[in-house]
Structure formats: C-alpha cells, structure tokens
Amino acid sequence: MRYRVVALLLTLLLIGMSVAATAQRRGRTAPSPPPPVVKQVDIVAFKRLLPLDSGKLSKPLLVNFWATWCDPCREEFPDLVQIDKDYRGKGLDFIAVSLDDVSDAKTTVPNFLSEMKASMPAYLLNVSDPEPAILSVDKSWSGALPATFLYDTNGAVVFKHFGRVPAAELRTAIDKVIAGK
C-alpha cells in the first residue's frame, strides 16, 4: 500500500514537471508584475512632495533626481534601490523624481524602474520649464543629474550631492540623520 502511494505521488510530480516544462517551452511563464506607476507632478504638486518650508517631517527624506537618459543616474540606481531596501524599515522615506520627457512616463521610466526592482515612490516632473522647480530645491543646483538630497525631520537639507553619489558616503549621512545626530 505504501509503495502505491509513493508511486502515485511520483507520477503526479512527474506530470506536474512535464506540464511546467511544456508551458515554459511555449513561452508561458508566470506573469511578471506590472511596471511601477510613475505619477506626473506639476510645479504645485512637486512643491508638496518636498519638505520645503514645511517644518517637521515624520521621517528623514531622501530625494533623488534622475533620468533614464543619464548614464550616471542609471549607474547609481542599483545602489539607491539597495539603500531604499536597507533603510525604509529603519525610518527613511525615499522618493525618486524623474526629469525624463513626459512621453516616457508610461513606458521608458516605469520599465527602467521595473528592471531595477525599484519600490520607492516615483514621480516625473511635468513642467515646461524645470528651472523654478530646480531653484526651489537648491539655488546652487544647476539642474545637472543625478542630484541627491537628504532632509532631516525638520525639513533641512543635511546632505546633498551632484553627480553619481558614492553609496558609502550616502549611507554615512543616512545613518547620522536616522540616529538624530
């Protein structure tokens, strides 16, 4: 009796493996998750995203400005995704703001974020002239990408970096702001 049960289980297992292999050969794989939603923001919504003149935040906030056409942005993004995973549970909020063309909001940008396995909220600045938004973030920022800003819970910039941010340097700044130093 025991041998029949084992034989039946093995038969069912082999049938299941055969069906899975056939489906895979036919190109049927498990459906991939939908690409992330990239919310377009105008200048008013953009200013609400950032703690500019807002006083207290509940958590420190990391903001990265980037674009899919920017090679240093693409190169640093895996580090930023890992930082988000490592620090989100430790009290850090993180948003990514794309400066890609609006026509890429539903294709190129979400596809890149999906490829990177990014889970942070993502926005695309939808303005005809980005200069007022750039100047509202930092008057010394020329708009060059990538640009990374870390805000403490008072809404003050405690770290900023223009160009590809060294991950270790950013982690040190995050550790300090999370520790309240």
N, C-alpha and C. Protein backbone atom coordinates (compact mmCIF):
# COMPACT_ATOMS: atom_id res chain seq x y z
N MET A 1 0.83 -1.19 0.00
CA MET A 1 0.00 0.00 0.00
C MET A 1 0.88 1.27 0.00
N ARG A 2 1.91 1.27 0.84
CA ARG A 2 2.79 2.42 0.95
C ARG A 2 3.48 2.68 -0.39
N TYR A 3 3.89 1.61 -1.09
CA TYR A 3 4.56 1.77 -2.37
C TYR A 3 3.64 2.38 -3.42
N ARG A 4 2.35 2.03 -3.36
CA ARG A 4 1.40 2.60 -4.32
C ARG A 4 1.25 4.10 -4.10
N VAL A 5 1.22 4.54 -2.86
CA VAL A 5 1.09 5.96 -2.55
C VAL A 5 2.32 6.72 -3.05
N VAL A 6 3.50 6.14 -2.79
CA VAL A 6 4.73 6.77 -3.24
C VAL A 6 4.76 6.81 -4.76
N ALA A 7 4.38 5.75 -5.41
CA ALA A 7 4.36 5.71 -6.87
C ALA A 7 3.38 6.73 -7.43
N LEU A 8 2.22 6.86 -6.79
CA LEU A 8 1.22 7.84 -7.23
C LEU A 8 1.76 9.26 -7.08
N LEU A 9 2.40 9.54 -5.95
CA LEU A 9 2.96 10.87 -5.72
C LEU A 9 4.06 11.18 -6.74
N LEU A 10 4.91 10.20 -7.01
CA LEU A 10 5.96 10.40 -8.01
C LEU A 10 5.38 10.65 -9.39
N THR A 11 4.33 9.92 -9.73
CA THR A 11 3.68 10.10 -11.03
C THR A 11 3.11 11.51 -11.13
N LEU A 12 2.43 11.95 -10.08
CA LEU A 12 1.86 13.31 -10.08
C LEU A 12 2.95 14.36 -10.18
N LEU A 13 4.05 14.14 -9.50
CA LEU A 13 5.16 15.08 -9.56
C LEU A 13 5.74 15.16 -10.97
N LEU A 14 5.93 14.01 -11.60
CA LEU A 14 6.47 13.98 -12.96
C LEU A 14 5.51 14.63 -13.95
N ILE A 15 4.22 14.41 -13.79
CA ILE A 15 3.23 15.05 -14.66
C ILE A 15 3.30 16.56 -14.49
N GLY A 16 3.38 17.03 -13.26
CA GLY A 16 3.47 18.47 -13.00
C GLY A 16 4.72 19.07 -13.60
N MET A 17 5.84 18.39 -13.49
CA MET A 17 7.09 18.88 -14.07
C MET A 17 7.00 18.92 -15.58
N SER A 18 6.35 17.93 -16.17
CA SER A 18 6.19 17.87 -17.62
C SER A 18 5.33 19.02 -18.12
N VAL A 19 4.23 19.28 -17.42
CA VAL A 19 3.34 20.39 -17.80
C VAL A 19 4.09 21.72 -17.68
N ALA A 20 4.85 21.90 -16.60
CA ALA A 20 5.61 23.14 -16.42
C ALA A 20 6.65 23.32 -17.52
N ALA A 21 7.34 22.23 -17.85
CA ALA A 21 8.36 22.31 -18.91
C ALA A 21 7.73 22.63 -20.26
N THR A 22 6.57 22.04 -20.54
CA THR A 22 5.88 22.32 -21.81
C THR A 22 5.45 23.78 -21.87
N ALA A 23 4.90 24.29 -20.78
CA ALA A 23 4.46 25.69 -20.74
C ALA A 23 5.65 26.62 -20.92
N GLN A 24 6.78 26.27 -20.31
CA GLN A 24 7.97 27.11 -20.44
C GLN A 24 8.48 27.11 -21.88
N ARG A 25 8.47 25.94 -22.53
CA ARG A 25 8.91 25.87 -23.92
C ARG A 25 8.00 26.70 -24.83
N ARG A 26 6.75 26.80 -24.47
CA ARG A 26 5.80 27.57 -25.28
C ARG A 26 5.84 29.05 -24.92
N GLY A 27 6.74 29.42 -24.03
CA GLY A 27 6.87 30.83 -23.67
C GLY A 27 5.89 31.27 -22.60
N ARG A 28 5.24 30.34 -21.98
CA ARG A 28 4.30 30.69 -20.91
C ARG A 28 5.03 30.61 -19.59
N THR A 29 5.30 31.72 -19.04
CA THR A 29 5.90 31.76 -17.72
C THR A 29 4.96 32.52 -16.81
N ALA A 30 5.28 32.52 -15.55
CA ALA A 30 4.44 33.24 -14.60
C ALA A 30 4.37 34.70 -15.03
N PRO A 31 3.20 35.30 -14.92
CA PRO A 31 3.09 36.70 -15.33
C PRO A 31 3.98 37.58 -14.47
N SER A 32 4.66 38.50 -15.13
CA SER A 32 5.52 39.42 -14.38
C SER A 32 4.65 40.51 -13.78
N PRO A 33 5.10 41.08 -12.66
CA PRO A 33 4.31 42.14 -12.04
C PRO A 33 4.22 43.34 -12.97
N PRO A 34 3.15 44.11 -12.83
CA PRO A 34 3.03 45.30 -13.69
C PRO A 34 4.13 46.29 -13.36
N PRO A 35 4.54 47.10 -14.35
CA PRO A 35 5.58 48.09 -14.07
C PRO A 35 5.07 49.10 -13.05
N PRO A 36 5.99 49.71 -12.30
CA PRO A 36 5.57 50.69 -11.29
C PRO A 36 4.85 51.88 -11.93
N VAL A 37 3.97 52.46 -11.16
CA VAL A 37 3.26 53.65 -11.62
C VAL A 37 4.15 54.86 -11.34
N VAL A 38 4.33 55.67 -12.35
CA VAL A 38 5.11 56.89 -12.21
C VAL A 38 4.11 58.04 -12.27
N LYS A 39 3.97 58.71 -11.15
CA LYS A 39 3.00 59.80 -11.07
C LYS A 39 3.61 61.10 -11.61
N GLN A 40 2.92 61.72 -12.54
CA GLN A 40 3.37 63.00 -13.07
C GLN A 40 2.95 64.11 -12.11
N VAL A 41 3.89 65.03 -11.85
CA VAL A 41 3.59 66.14 -10.95
C VAL A 41 3.92 67.46 -11.62
N ASP A 42 3.04 68.42 -11.43
CA ASP A 42 3.32 69.78 -11.90
C ASP A 42 4.08 70.51 -10.80
N ILE A 43 4.35 71.78 -10.97
CA ILE A 43 5.16 72.53 -10.00
C ILE A 43 4.49 72.60 -8.64
N VAL A 44 3.17 72.72 -8.61
CA VAL A 44 2.44 72.80 -7.32
C VAL A 44 2.55 71.47 -6.58
N ALA A 45 2.26 70.37 -7.27
CA ALA A 45 2.36 69.05 -6.64
C ALA A 45 3.80 68.73 -6.26
N PHE A 46 4.74 69.16 -7.09
CA PHE A 46 6.15 68.95 -6.80
C PHE A 46 6.55 69.60 -5.48
N LYS A 47 6.13 70.82 -5.28
CA LYS A 47 6.48 71.53 -4.05
C LYS A 47 5.84 70.88 -2.83
N ARG A 48 4.71 70.21 -3.00
CA ARG A 48 4.08 69.48 -1.89
C ARG A 48 4.84 68.20 -1.55
N LEU A 49 5.55 67.63 -2.52
CA LEU A 49 6.32 66.41 -2.30
C LEU A 49 7.49 66.63 -1.36
N LEU A 50 8.11 67.79 -1.49
CA LEU A 50 9.33 68.08 -0.75
C LEU A 50 9.02 68.87 0.51
N PRO A 51 9.89 68.76 1.50
CA PRO A 51 9.63 69.43 2.78
C PRO A 51 10.00 70.90 2.78
N LEU A 52 10.05 71.51 1.62
CA LEU A 52 10.44 72.91 1.54
C LEU A 52 9.45 73.76 2.30
N ASP A 53 9.96 74.50 3.27
CA ASP A 53 9.13 75.38 4.09
C ASP A 53 7.98 74.66 4.78
N SER A 54 8.15 73.36 5.06
CA SER A 54 7.03 72.64 5.65
C SER A 54 7.18 72.38 7.14
N GLY A 55 8.35 72.65 7.70
CA GLY A 55 8.52 72.39 9.12
C GLY A 55 8.95 70.97 9.38
N LYS A 56 8.18 70.28 10.17
CA LYS A 56 8.54 68.94 10.61
C LYS A 56 8.11 67.85 9.66
N LEU A 57 8.97 66.85 9.50
CA LEU A 57 8.65 65.63 8.78
C LEU A 57 8.55 64.50 9.80
N SER A 58 7.78 63.50 9.48
CA SER A 58 7.70 62.37 10.41
C SER A 58 8.96 61.50 10.34
N LYS A 59 9.64 61.51 9.18
CA LYS A 59 10.85 60.72 8.97
C LYS A 59 11.82 61.52 8.11
N PRO A 60 13.10 61.19 8.18
CA PRO A 60 14.03 61.79 7.21
C PRO A 60 13.60 61.39 5.80
N LEU A 61 13.93 62.23 4.83
CA LEU A 61 13.52 62.02 3.45
C LEU A 61 14.71 62.11 2.51
N LEU A 62 14.87 61.08 1.68
CA LEU A 62 15.89 61.05 0.65
C LEU A 62 15.21 61.30 -0.69
N VAL A 63 15.72 62.25 -1.46
CA VAL A 63 15.15 62.57 -2.76
C VAL A 63 16.25 62.49 -3.80
N ASN A 64 16.00 61.72 -4.84
CA ASN A 64 16.97 61.58 -5.92
C ASN A 64 16.33 62.06 -7.21
N PHE A 65 17.00 62.97 -7.90
CA PHE A 65 16.57 63.47 -9.20
C PHE A 65 17.41 62.75 -10.25
N TRP A 66 16.76 62.21 -11.26
CA TRP A 66 17.44 61.35 -12.22
C TRP A 66 16.68 61.35 -13.53
N ALA A 67 17.23 60.65 -14.52
CA ALA A 67 16.55 60.45 -15.81
C ALA A 67 17.12 59.17 -16.44
N THR A 68 16.31 58.53 -17.25
CA THR A 68 16.76 57.28 -17.88
C THR A 68 17.85 57.53 -18.92
N TRP A 69 17.93 58.73 -19.48
CA TRP A 69 18.94 59.04 -20.49
C TRP A 69 20.28 59.44 -19.87
N CYS A 70 20.33 59.53 -18.56
CA CYS A 70 21.52 59.97 -17.82
C CYS A 70 22.32 58.73 -17.37
N ASP A 71 23.49 58.52 -17.99
CA ASP A 71 24.30 57.34 -17.64
C ASP A 71 24.68 57.27 -16.17
N PRO A 72 25.17 58.35 -15.54
CA PRO A 72 25.49 58.24 -14.10
C PRO A 72 24.26 57.91 -13.25
N CYS A 73 23.08 58.39 -13.68
CA CYS A 73 21.85 58.08 -12.96
C CYS A 73 21.58 56.58 -13.01
N ARG A 74 21.70 56.02 -14.21
CA ARG A 74 21.45 54.59 -14.40
C ARG A 74 22.48 53.76 -13.62
N GLU A 75 23.71 54.24 -13.58
CA GLU A 75 24.78 53.51 -12.88
C GLU A 75 24.58 53.51 -11.37
N GLU A 76 24.07 54.61 -10.81
CA GLU A 76 23.91 54.68 -9.36
C GLU A 76 22.60 54.05 -8.88
N PHE A 77 21.65 53.83 -9.78
CA PHE A 77 20.32 53.41 -9.36
C PHE A 77 20.30 52.09 -8.59
N PRO A 78 21.07 51.07 -8.97
CA PRO A 78 21.06 49.85 -8.15
C PRO A 78 21.47 50.11 -6.70
N ASP A 79 22.44 51.00 -6.48
CA ASP A 79 22.83 51.34 -5.11
C ASP A 79 21.67 52.02 -4.38
N LEU A 80 20.96 52.89 -5.06
CA LEU A 80 19.83 53.58 -4.43
C LEU A 80 18.70 52.62 -4.10
N VAL A 81 18.44 51.68 -4.97
CA VAL A 81 17.41 50.66 -4.70
C VAL A 81 17.79 49.87 -3.45
N GLN A 82 19.06 49.50 -3.34
CA GLN A 82 19.51 48.74 -2.16
C GLN A 82 19.43 49.60 -0.91
N ILE A 83 19.79 50.86 -1.01
CA ILE A 83 19.69 51.77 0.14
C ILE A 83 18.23 51.88 0.58
N ASP A 84 17.32 52.00 -0.38
CA ASP A 84 15.89 52.05 -0.04
C ASP A 84 15.48 50.79 0.71
N LYS A 85 15.88 49.64 0.22
CA LYS A 85 15.53 48.38 0.89
C LYS A 85 16.13 48.30 2.29
N ASP A 86 17.36 48.76 2.43
CA ASP A 86 18.05 48.66 3.72
C ASP A 86 17.53 49.65 4.76
N TYR A 87 17.06 50.81 4.33
CA TYR A 87 16.72 51.86 5.28
C TYR A 87 15.23 52.17 5.42
N ARG A 88 14.41 51.71 4.52
CA ARG A 88 12.97 52.03 4.61
C ARG A 88 12.40 51.56 5.95
N GLY A 89 12.76 50.38 6.37
CA GLY A 89 12.27 49.85 7.65
C GLY A 89 12.92 50.50 8.86
N LYS A 90 13.95 51.28 8.63
CA LYS A 90 14.66 51.95 9.73
C LYS A 90 14.23 53.41 9.88
N GLY A 91 13.21 53.82 9.13
CA GLY A 91 12.69 55.17 9.31
C GLY A 91 13.10 56.18 8.27
N LEU A 92 13.41 55.73 7.05
CA LEU A 92 13.76 56.66 5.98
C LEU A 92 12.72 56.59 4.87
N ASP A 93 12.23 57.73 4.45
CA ASP A 93 11.38 57.79 3.27
C ASP A 93 12.28 58.15 2.09
N PHE A 94 11.90 57.67 0.91
CA PHE A 94 12.72 57.89 -0.28
C PHE A 94 11.79 58.08 -1.46
N ILE A 95 12.02 59.15 -2.23
CA ILE A 95 11.28 59.32 -3.47
C ILE A 95 12.27 59.58 -4.60
N ALA A 96 11.89 59.11 -5.77
CA ALA A 96 12.70 59.31 -6.97
C ALA A 96 11.93 60.23 -7.90
N VAL A 97 12.57 61.29 -8.36
CA VAL A 97 11.92 62.26 -9.24
C VAL A 97 12.64 62.24 -10.58
N SER A 98 11.93 61.77 -11.59
CA SER A 98 12.50 61.68 -12.93
C SER A 98 12.33 63.01 -13.66
N LEU A 99 13.37 63.37 -14.40
CA LEU A 99 13.31 64.54 -15.25
C LEU A 99 13.28 64.12 -16.72
N ASP A 100 12.80 62.90 -16.95
CA ASP A 100 12.62 62.41 -18.32
C ASP A 100 11.52 63.20 -19.00
N ASP A 101 11.42 63.03 -20.30
CA ASP A 101 10.35 63.64 -21.08
C ASP A 101 9.02 63.03 -20.66
N VAL A 102 7.97 63.82 -20.65
CA VAL A 102 6.65 63.36 -20.24
C VAL A 102 6.18 62.16 -21.08
N SER A 103 6.60 62.10 -22.33
CA SER A 103 6.19 60.98 -23.18
C SER A 103 6.74 59.64 -22.69
N ASP A 104 7.73 59.67 -21.80
CA ASP A 104 8.32 58.44 -21.26
C ASP A 104 7.70 58.00 -19.94
N ALA A 105 6.71 58.74 -19.44
CA ALA A 105 6.14 58.47 -18.12
C ALA A 105 5.45 57.12 -18.01
N LYS A 106 4.95 56.61 -19.11
CA LYS A 106 4.22 55.33 -19.05
C LYS A 106 4.98 54.20 -19.72
N THR A 107 6.18 54.47 -20.21
CA THR A 107 6.93 53.43 -20.91
C THR A 107 8.35 53.32 -20.37
N THR A 108 9.22 54.17 -20.84
CA THR A 108 10.64 54.06 -20.52
C THR A 108 10.91 54.14 -19.02
N VAL A 109 10.32 55.09 -18.34
CA VAL A 109 10.60 55.29 -16.91
C VAL A 109 10.10 54.10 -16.09
N PRO A 110 8.82 53.69 -16.19
CA PRO A 110 8.41 52.54 -15.39
C PRO A 110 9.12 51.24 -15.78
N ASN A 111 9.46 51.10 -17.05
CA ASN A 111 10.19 49.90 -17.46
C ASN A 111 11.57 49.85 -16.80
N PHE A 112 12.25 50.99 -16.74
CA PHE A 112 13.55 51.05 -16.08
C PHE A 112 13.41 50.74 -14.60
N LEU A 113 12.42 51.34 -13.94
CA LEU A 113 12.21 51.10 -12.51
C LEU A 113 11.91 49.62 -12.24
N SER A 114 11.13 49.02 -13.12
CA SER A 114 10.82 47.61 -13.00
C SER A 114 12.08 46.76 -13.16
N GLU A 115 12.88 47.09 -14.15
CA GLU A 115 14.14 46.39 -14.39
C GLU A 115 15.06 46.48 -13.18
N MET A 116 15.04 47.62 -12.50
CA MET A 116 15.87 47.84 -11.32
C MET A 116 15.25 47.25 -10.04
N LYS A 117 14.00 46.79 -10.16
CA LYS A 117 13.25 46.28 -8.99
C LYS A 117 13.09 47.36 -7.92
N ALA A 118 12.87 48.58 -8.40
CA ALA A 118 12.70 49.72 -7.51
C ALA A 118 11.30 49.73 -6.92
N SER A 119 11.21 50.05 -5.63
CA SER A 119 9.90 50.08 -4.99
C SER A 119 9.59 51.42 -4.34
N MET A 120 10.52 52.36 -4.43
CA MET A 120 10.24 53.67 -3.84
C MET A 120 9.22 54.42 -4.70
N PRO A 121 8.46 55.35 -4.11
CA PRO A 121 7.55 56.15 -4.92
C PRO A 121 8.31 56.91 -6.00
N ALA A 122 7.76 56.91 -7.21
CA ALA A 122 8.44 57.54 -8.34
C ALA A 122 7.53 58.59 -8.96
N TYR A 123 8.13 59.72 -9.29
CA TYR A 123 7.42 60.84 -9.87
C TYR A 123 8.16 61.32 -11.10
N LEU A 124 7.43 61.96 -11.99
CA LEU A 124 8.03 62.57 -13.17
C LEU A 124 7.60 64.03 -13.17
N LEU A 125 8.57 64.93 -13.22
CA LEU A 125 8.28 66.36 -13.20
C LEU A 125 7.72 66.76 -14.56
N ASN A 126 6.47 67.16 -14.58
CA ASN A 126 5.77 67.51 -15.81
C ASN A 126 5.59 69.03 -15.84
N VAL A 127 6.65 69.72 -16.28
CA VAL A 127 6.63 71.17 -16.39
C VAL A 127 7.31 71.56 -17.69
N SER A 128 6.90 72.69 -18.24
CA SER A 128 7.54 73.14 -19.48
C SER A 128 8.94 73.69 -19.20
N ASP A 129 9.14 74.27 -18.01
CA ASP A 129 10.43 74.82 -17.64
C ASP A 129 10.80 74.29 -16.25
N PRO A 130 11.78 73.41 -16.14
CA PRO A 130 12.11 72.84 -14.84
C PRO A 130 12.90 73.78 -13.92
N GLU A 131 13.37 74.90 -14.43
CA GLU A 131 14.21 75.78 -13.62
C GLU A 131 13.56 76.23 -12.31
N PRO A 132 12.29 76.66 -12.28
CA PRO A 132 11.70 77.05 -10.98
C PRO A 132 11.69 75.90 -9.97
N ALA A 133 11.45 74.68 -10.43
CA ALA A 133 11.48 73.54 -9.52
C ALA A 133 12.90 73.30 -9.01
N ILE A 134 13.86 73.37 -9.90
CA ILE A 134 15.27 73.16 -9.54
C ILE A 134 15.71 74.20 -8.51
N LEU A 135 15.39 75.46 -8.77
CA LEU A 135 15.78 76.53 -7.86
C LEU A 135 15.05 76.43 -6.52
N SER A 136 13.84 75.86 -6.52
CA SER A 136 13.12 75.71 -5.25
C SER A 136 13.76 74.65 -4.37
N VAL A 137 14.47 73.72 -4.98
CA VAL A 137 15.16 72.68 -4.21
C VAL A 137 16.47 73.22 -3.65
N ASP A 138 17.27 73.87 -4.50
CA ASP A 138 18.57 74.38 -4.08
C ASP A 138 19.03 75.41 -5.10
N LYS A 139 19.24 76.60 -4.64
CA LYS A 139 19.65 77.69 -5.55
C LYS A 139 21.02 77.44 -6.17
N SER A 140 21.84 76.60 -5.55
CA SER A 140 23.17 76.32 -6.11
C SER A 140 23.15 75.14 -7.09
N TRP A 141 22.01 74.49 -7.23
CA TRP A 141 21.90 73.35 -8.14
C TRP A 141 21.62 73.84 -9.55
N SER A 142 22.46 73.45 -10.48
CA SER A 142 22.29 73.86 -11.88
C SER A 142 21.24 73.04 -12.61
N GLY A 143 20.81 71.95 -12.01
CA GLY A 143 19.88 71.03 -12.66
C GLY A 143 20.59 69.81 -13.23
N ALA A 144 21.92 69.76 -13.06
CA ALA A 144 22.68 68.60 -13.54
C ALA A 144 22.23 67.35 -12.80
N LEU A 145 22.23 66.24 -13.52
CA LEU A 145 21.78 64.96 -12.96
C LEU A 145 22.94 63.98 -12.88
N PRO A 146 22.82 63.06 -11.94
CA PRO A 146 21.84 62.95 -10.87
C PRO A 146 22.12 63.95 -9.76
N ALA A 147 21.11 64.17 -8.95
CA ALA A 147 21.25 65.03 -7.78
C ALA A 147 20.49 64.37 -6.64
N THR A 148 21.13 64.32 -5.48
CA THR A 148 20.57 63.63 -4.33
C THR A 148 20.55 64.57 -3.14
N PHE A 149 19.41 64.61 -2.45
CA PHE A 149 19.22 65.47 -1.28
C PHE A 149 18.65 64.64 -0.14
N LEU A 150 19.21 64.82 1.05
CA LEU A 150 18.71 64.15 2.25
C LEU A 150 18.23 65.22 3.21
N TYR A 151 16.97 65.10 3.63
CA TYR A 151 16.35 66.05 4.54
C TYR A 151 16.20 65.41 5.91
N ASP A 152 16.43 66.19 6.96
CA ASP A 152 16.16 65.69 8.30
C ASP A 152 14.69 65.91 8.64
N THR A 153 14.27 65.55 9.83
CA THR A 153 12.85 65.67 10.20
C THR A 153 12.40 67.11 10.36
N ASN A 154 13.32 68.05 10.39
CA ASN A 154 12.96 69.47 10.41
C ASN A 154 12.81 70.04 9.01
N GLY A 155 13.07 69.22 7.99
CA GLY A 155 12.96 69.68 6.61
C GLY A 155 14.21 70.38 6.11
N ALA A 156 15.30 70.27 6.85
CA ALA A 156 16.56 70.90 6.44
C ALA A 156 17.39 69.91 5.63
N VAL A 157 18.06 70.41 4.60
CA VAL A 157 18.96 69.57 3.82
C VAL A 157 20.20 69.31 4.67
N VAL A 158 20.46 68.02 4.95
CA VAL A 158 21.63 67.66 5.75
C VAL A 158 22.72 67.00 4.89
N PHE A 159 22.37 66.69 3.65
CA PHE A 159 23.33 66.09 2.72
C PHE A 159 22.84 66.37 1.32
N LYS A 160 23.76 66.74 0.44
CA LYS A 160 23.41 66.87 -0.98
C LYS A 160 24.62 66.48 -1.79
N HIS A 161 24.34 65.93 -2.96
CA HIS A 161 25.42 65.50 -3.83
C HIS A 161 24.95 65.65 -5.27
N PHE A 162 25.78 66.29 -6.08
CA PHE A 162 25.50 66.43 -7.50
C PHE A 162 26.43 65.48 -8.25
N GLY A 163 25.87 64.68 -9.13
CA GLY A 163 26.62 63.64 -9.80
C GLY A 163 26.35 62.31 -9.11
N ARG A 164 27.01 61.28 -9.58
CA ARG A 164 26.80 59.95 -9.00
C ARG A 164 27.24 59.96 -7.54
N VAL A 165 26.32 59.64 -6.66
CA VAL A 165 26.60 59.70 -5.24
C VAL A 165 27.33 58.42 -4.80
N PRO A 166 28.43 58.58 -4.06
CA PRO A 166 29.09 57.39 -3.51
C PRO A 166 28.18 56.75 -2.46
N ALA A 167 27.87 55.49 -2.63
CA ALA A 167 26.91 54.81 -1.75
C ALA A 167 27.36 54.85 -0.29
N ALA A 168 28.63 54.64 -0.03
CA ALA A 168 29.12 54.64 1.36
C ALA A 168 28.95 56.02 2.00
N GLU A 169 29.20 57.06 1.24
CA GLU A 169 29.04 58.43 1.74
C GLU A 169 27.57 58.72 2.06
N LEU A 170 26.68 58.28 1.19
CA LEU A 170 25.25 58.47 1.42
C LEU A 170 24.79 57.67 2.63
N ARG A 171 25.25 56.44 2.76
CA ARG A 171 24.87 55.62 3.91
C ARG A 171 25.32 56.26 5.23
N THR A 172 26.50 56.83 5.23
CA THR A 172 27.00 57.51 6.44
C THR A 172 26.08 58.67 6.81
N ALA A 173 25.69 59.45 5.82
CA ALA A 173 24.78 60.59 6.08
C ALA A 173 23.42 60.10 6.58
N ILE A 174 22.92 59.03 5.98
CA ILE A 174 21.62 58.48 6.40
C ILE A 174 21.71 57.97 7.83
N ASP A 175 22.79 57.24 8.14
CA ASP A 175 22.96 56.73 9.49
C ASP A 175 22.94 57.86 10.52
N LYS A 176 23.61 58.97 10.19
CA LYS A 176 23.66 60.11 11.11
C LYS A 176 22.27 60.72 11.30
N VAL A 177 21.55 60.92 10.20
CA VAL A 177 20.24 61.57 10.32
C VAL A 177 19.23 60.64 11.02
N ILE A 178 19.32 59.36 10.79
CA ILE A 178 18.41 58.43 11.48
C ILE A 178 18.72 58.38 12.98
N ALA A 179 20.00 58.44 13.30
CA ALA A 179 20.41 58.43 14.71
C ALA A 179 20.11 59.77 15.39
N GLY A 180 19.72 60.78 14.61
CA GLY A 180 19.39 62.08 15.18
C GLY A 180 20.60 62.94 15.46
N LYS A 181 21.71 62.65 14.77
CA LYS A 181 22.94 63.42 15.01
C LYS A 181 23.12 64.49 13.97
